[in-house]
């Protein structure tokens, strides 16, 4: 299934996002699925007051618990919020 078909506008999701200035730093952030401001037929991820094209490059989870578990599995620590 294409990622744009897996979500609906208005959904709240959680993403694991790395700090672009320190690649060993990541955290779990809440984001919203919205219509892309550039192409209303596509979806975007609204995060940090910015629209990002919805792609499979993001680690997107439907619940905070799923995101926290994935974070712990990858980073092996319990500090989910950097």
N, C-alpha and C. Protein backbone atom coordinates (compact mmCIF):
# COMPACT_ATOMS: atom_id res chain seq x y z
N UNK A 1 0.84 -1.17 0.00
CA UNK A 1 0.00 0.00 0.00
C UNK A 1 0.89 1.25 0.00
N UNK A 2 0.58 2.18 -0.86
CA UNK A 2 1.32 3.44 -0.92
C UNK A 2 1.08 4.22 0.36
N UNK A 3 2.12 4.90 0.83
CA UNK A 3 2.04 5.60 2.12
C UNK A 3 0.92 6.64 2.14
N UNK A 4 0.66 7.31 1.03
CA UNK A 4 -0.41 8.30 0.99
C UNK A 4 -1.79 7.68 1.13
N UNK A 5 -1.90 6.37 0.91
CA UNK A 5 -3.18 5.69 1.07
C UNK A 5 -3.32 5.08 2.47
N UNK A 6 -2.24 5.05 3.23
CA UNK A 6 -2.26 4.43 4.55
C UNK A 6 -2.79 5.38 5.63
N UNK A 7 -2.85 6.67 5.34
CA UNK A 7 -3.25 7.67 6.34
C UNK A 7 -4.34 8.57 5.78
N UNK A 8 -5.02 9.24 6.71
CA UNK A 8 -6.07 10.18 6.36
C UNK A 8 -5.74 11.55 6.95
N UNK A 9 -6.08 12.64 6.26
CA UNK A 9 -5.87 13.97 6.83
C UNK A 9 -6.54 14.08 8.19
N UNK A 10 -5.85 14.71 9.11
CA UNK A 10 -6.38 14.89 10.46
C UNK A 10 -5.88 13.86 11.46
N UNK A 11 -5.25 12.79 10.97
CA UNK A 11 -4.72 11.79 11.90
C UNK A 11 -3.53 12.36 12.66
N UNK A 12 -3.45 12.01 13.93
CA UNK A 12 -2.28 12.34 14.73
C UNK A 12 -1.40 11.10 14.76
N UNK A 13 -0.13 11.28 14.48
CA UNK A 13 0.82 10.17 14.46
C UNK A 13 2.05 10.58 15.27
N UNK A 14 2.94 9.65 15.45
CA UNK A 14 4.18 9.89 16.19
C UNK A 14 5.34 9.47 15.32
N UNK A 15 6.38 10.27 15.32
CA UNK A 15 7.55 9.98 14.49
C UNK A 15 8.80 9.99 15.36
N UNK A 16 9.76 9.19 14.96
CA UNK A 16 11.08 9.24 15.56
C UNK A 16 11.91 10.10 14.62
N UNK A 17 12.42 11.18 15.15
CA UNK A 17 13.14 12.12 14.31
C UNK A 17 14.51 12.41 14.92
N UNK A 18 15.50 12.45 14.06
CA UNK A 18 16.87 12.73 14.51
C UNK A 18 17.14 14.22 14.46
N UNK A 19 18.00 14.65 15.36
CA UNK A 19 18.47 16.02 15.36
C UNK A 19 19.45 16.17 14.20
N UNK A 20 19.21 17.11 13.28
CA UNK A 20 20.10 17.23 12.12
C UNK A 20 21.51 17.70 12.48
N UNK A 21 21.66 18.25 13.67
CA UNK A 21 22.97 18.76 14.09
C UNK A 21 23.74 17.76 14.94
N UNK A 22 23.07 16.73 15.43
CA UNK A 22 23.72 15.70 16.26
C UNK A 22 23.05 14.37 15.94
N UNK A 23 23.59 13.63 15.02
CA UNK A 23 22.94 12.42 14.52
C UNK A 23 22.74 11.33 15.56
N UNK A 24 23.40 11.42 16.69
CA UNK A 24 23.18 10.42 17.73
C UNK A 24 22.08 10.84 18.70
N UNK A 25 21.37 11.93 18.38
CA UNK A 25 20.27 12.42 19.20
C UNK A 25 18.98 12.29 18.41
N UNK A 26 17.99 11.65 19.01
CA UNK A 26 16.68 11.49 18.37
C UNK A 26 15.61 11.58 19.45
N UNK A 27 14.39 11.83 19.01
CA UNK A 27 13.29 11.83 19.96
C UNK A 27 11.99 11.49 19.26
N UNK A 28 10.97 11.25 20.06
CA UNK A 28 9.63 10.95 19.55
C UNK A 28 8.85 12.26 19.56
N UNK A 29 8.22 12.57 18.44
CA UNK A 29 7.44 13.80 18.32
C UNK A 29 6.06 13.49 17.76
N UNK A 30 5.07 14.21 18.27
CA UNK A 30 3.73 14.12 17.72
C UNK A 30 3.68 14.94 16.44
N UNK A 31 2.97 14.44 15.44
CA UNK A 31 2.82 15.14 14.17
C UNK A 31 1.40 14.91 13.66
N UNK A 32 1.02 15.68 12.68
CA UNK A 32 -0.31 15.54 12.08
C UNK A 32 -0.18 15.21 10.61
N UNK A 33 -1.09 14.38 10.14
CA UNK A 33 -1.20 14.10 8.71
C UNK A 33 -2.16 15.14 8.14
N UNK A 34 -1.71 15.85 7.12
CA UNK A 34 -2.51 16.92 6.52
C UNK A 34 -2.39 16.86 5.00
N UNK A 35 -3.28 17.58 4.33
CA UNK A 35 -3.15 17.71 2.88
C UNK A 35 -1.93 18.58 2.59
N UNK A 36 -1.17 18.19 1.60
CA UNK A 36 0.02 18.95 1.24
C UNK A 36 -0.38 20.33 0.75
N UNK A 37 0.29 21.39 1.23
CA UNK A 37 -0.03 22.73 0.73
C UNK A 37 0.40 22.94 -0.72
N UNK A 38 1.30 22.08 -1.21
CA UNK A 38 1.79 22.20 -2.59
C UNK A 38 0.96 21.39 -3.58
N UNK A 39 0.33 20.31 -3.11
CA UNK A 39 -0.45 19.43 -3.98
C UNK A 39 -1.52 18.77 -3.13
N UNK A 40 -2.73 19.27 -3.19
CA UNK A 40 -3.80 18.79 -2.31
C UNK A 40 -4.17 17.32 -2.55
N UNK A 41 -3.67 16.71 -3.61
CA UNK A 41 -3.93 15.29 -3.84
C UNK A 41 -2.94 14.41 -3.08
N UNK A 42 -1.93 15.04 -2.47
CA UNK A 42 -0.92 14.32 -1.70
C UNK A 42 -1.04 14.70 -0.23
N UNK A 43 -0.51 13.83 0.63
CA UNK A 43 -0.50 14.11 2.06
C UNK A 43 0.87 14.60 2.49
N UNK A 44 0.86 15.29 3.62
CA UNK A 44 2.11 15.79 4.19
C UNK A 44 2.10 15.52 5.69
N UNK A 45 3.27 15.55 6.25
CA UNK A 45 3.45 15.43 7.69
C UNK A 45 3.70 16.84 8.22
N UNK A 46 2.88 17.29 9.16
CA UNK A 46 3.05 18.62 9.73
C UNK A 46 3.74 18.46 11.07
N UNK A 47 4.99 18.94 11.13
CA UNK A 47 5.86 18.72 12.28
C UNK A 47 6.74 19.94 12.46
N UNK A 48 6.84 20.43 13.67
CA UNK A 48 7.66 21.62 13.95
C UNK A 48 7.23 22.81 13.09
N UNK A 49 5.92 23.00 12.92
CA UNK A 49 5.40 24.11 12.14
C UNK A 49 5.86 24.09 10.67
N UNK A 50 6.22 22.90 10.19
CA UNK A 50 6.70 22.74 8.83
C UNK A 50 5.98 21.56 8.18
N UNK A 51 5.74 21.67 6.88
CA UNK A 51 5.14 20.58 6.11
C UNK A 51 6.25 19.75 5.47
N UNK A 52 6.18 18.44 5.64
CA UNK A 52 7.14 17.52 5.01
C UNK A 52 6.36 16.57 4.11
N UNK A 53 6.82 16.31 2.91
CA UNK A 53 6.14 15.32 2.07
C UNK A 53 6.06 13.99 2.82
N UNK A 54 4.92 13.35 2.76
CA UNK A 54 4.74 12.07 3.44
C UNK A 54 5.43 10.98 2.62
N UNK A 55 6.55 10.49 3.15
CA UNK A 55 7.32 9.45 2.47
C UNK A 55 7.66 8.35 3.47
N UNK A 56 8.14 7.25 2.94
CA UNK A 56 8.53 6.14 3.82
C UNK A 56 9.89 6.38 4.48
N UNK A 57 10.46 7.56 4.31
CA UNK A 57 11.72 7.90 4.98
C UNK A 57 11.50 8.24 6.45
N UNK A 58 10.26 8.51 6.84
CA UNK A 58 9.94 8.79 8.23
C UNK A 58 9.54 7.51 8.94
N UNK A 59 9.95 7.39 10.20
CA UNK A 59 9.49 6.29 11.05
C UNK A 59 8.21 6.77 11.70
N UNK A 60 7.06 6.37 11.14
CA UNK A 60 5.75 6.87 11.58
C UNK A 60 5.02 5.76 12.33
N UNK A 61 4.45 6.13 13.47
CA UNK A 61 3.71 5.19 14.31
C UNK A 61 2.36 5.78 14.65
N UNK A 62 1.37 4.92 14.77
CA UNK A 62 0.00 5.39 15.03
C UNK A 62 -0.23 5.72 16.51
N UNK A 63 0.56 5.12 17.40
CA UNK A 63 0.40 5.41 18.82
C UNK A 63 1.73 5.80 19.44
N UNK A 64 1.64 6.55 20.52
CA UNK A 64 2.84 6.94 21.26
C UNK A 64 3.55 5.71 21.80
N UNK A 65 2.79 4.74 22.26
CA UNK A 65 3.38 3.52 22.81
C UNK A 65 4.21 2.77 21.76
N UNK A 66 3.68 2.67 20.54
CA UNK A 66 4.44 2.01 19.46
C UNK A 66 5.73 2.77 19.17
N UNK A 67 5.66 4.08 19.13
CA UNK A 67 6.84 4.90 18.84
C UNK A 67 7.87 4.76 19.95
N UNK A 68 7.42 4.79 21.20
CA UNK A 68 8.35 4.65 22.32
C UNK A 68 9.02 3.28 22.32
N UNK A 69 8.26 2.24 22.01
CA UNK A 69 8.85 0.89 21.96
C UNK A 69 9.89 0.79 20.85
N UNK A 70 9.58 1.34 19.69
CA UNK A 70 10.53 1.33 18.58
C UNK A 70 11.78 2.12 18.94
N UNK A 71 11.59 3.25 19.59
CA UNK A 71 12.72 4.08 20.01
C UNK A 71 13.62 3.30 20.96
N UNK A 72 13.01 2.67 21.93
CA UNK A 72 13.79 1.88 22.89
C UNK A 72 14.51 0.73 22.20
N UNK A 73 13.86 0.08 21.24
CA UNK A 73 14.49 -1.02 20.51
C UNK A 73 15.70 -0.55 19.71
N UNK A 74 15.62 0.63 19.14
CA UNK A 74 16.71 1.15 18.31
C UNK A 74 17.81 1.78 19.15
N UNK A 75 17.42 2.58 20.12
CA UNK A 75 18.40 3.34 20.87
C UNK A 75 18.75 2.71 22.21
N UNK A 76 17.93 1.77 22.68
CA UNK A 76 18.24 1.03 23.89
C UNK A 76 18.22 1.84 25.17
N UNK A 77 17.50 2.94 25.16
CA UNK A 77 17.39 3.75 26.38
C UNK A 77 15.95 4.19 26.55
N UNK A 78 15.62 4.65 27.74
CA UNK A 78 14.24 5.02 28.04
C UNK A 78 13.96 6.51 27.94
N UNK A 79 14.92 7.31 27.52
CA UNK A 79 14.72 8.75 27.42
C UNK A 79 14.16 9.09 26.04
N UNK A 80 12.84 9.02 25.88
CA UNK A 80 12.20 9.14 24.58
C UNK A 80 12.23 10.54 24.02
N UNK A 81 12.46 11.53 24.83
CA UNK A 81 12.30 12.91 24.38
C UNK A 81 13.61 13.66 24.33
N UNK A 82 14.71 12.91 24.15
CA UNK A 82 16.01 13.51 23.91
C UNK A 82 16.53 14.26 25.08
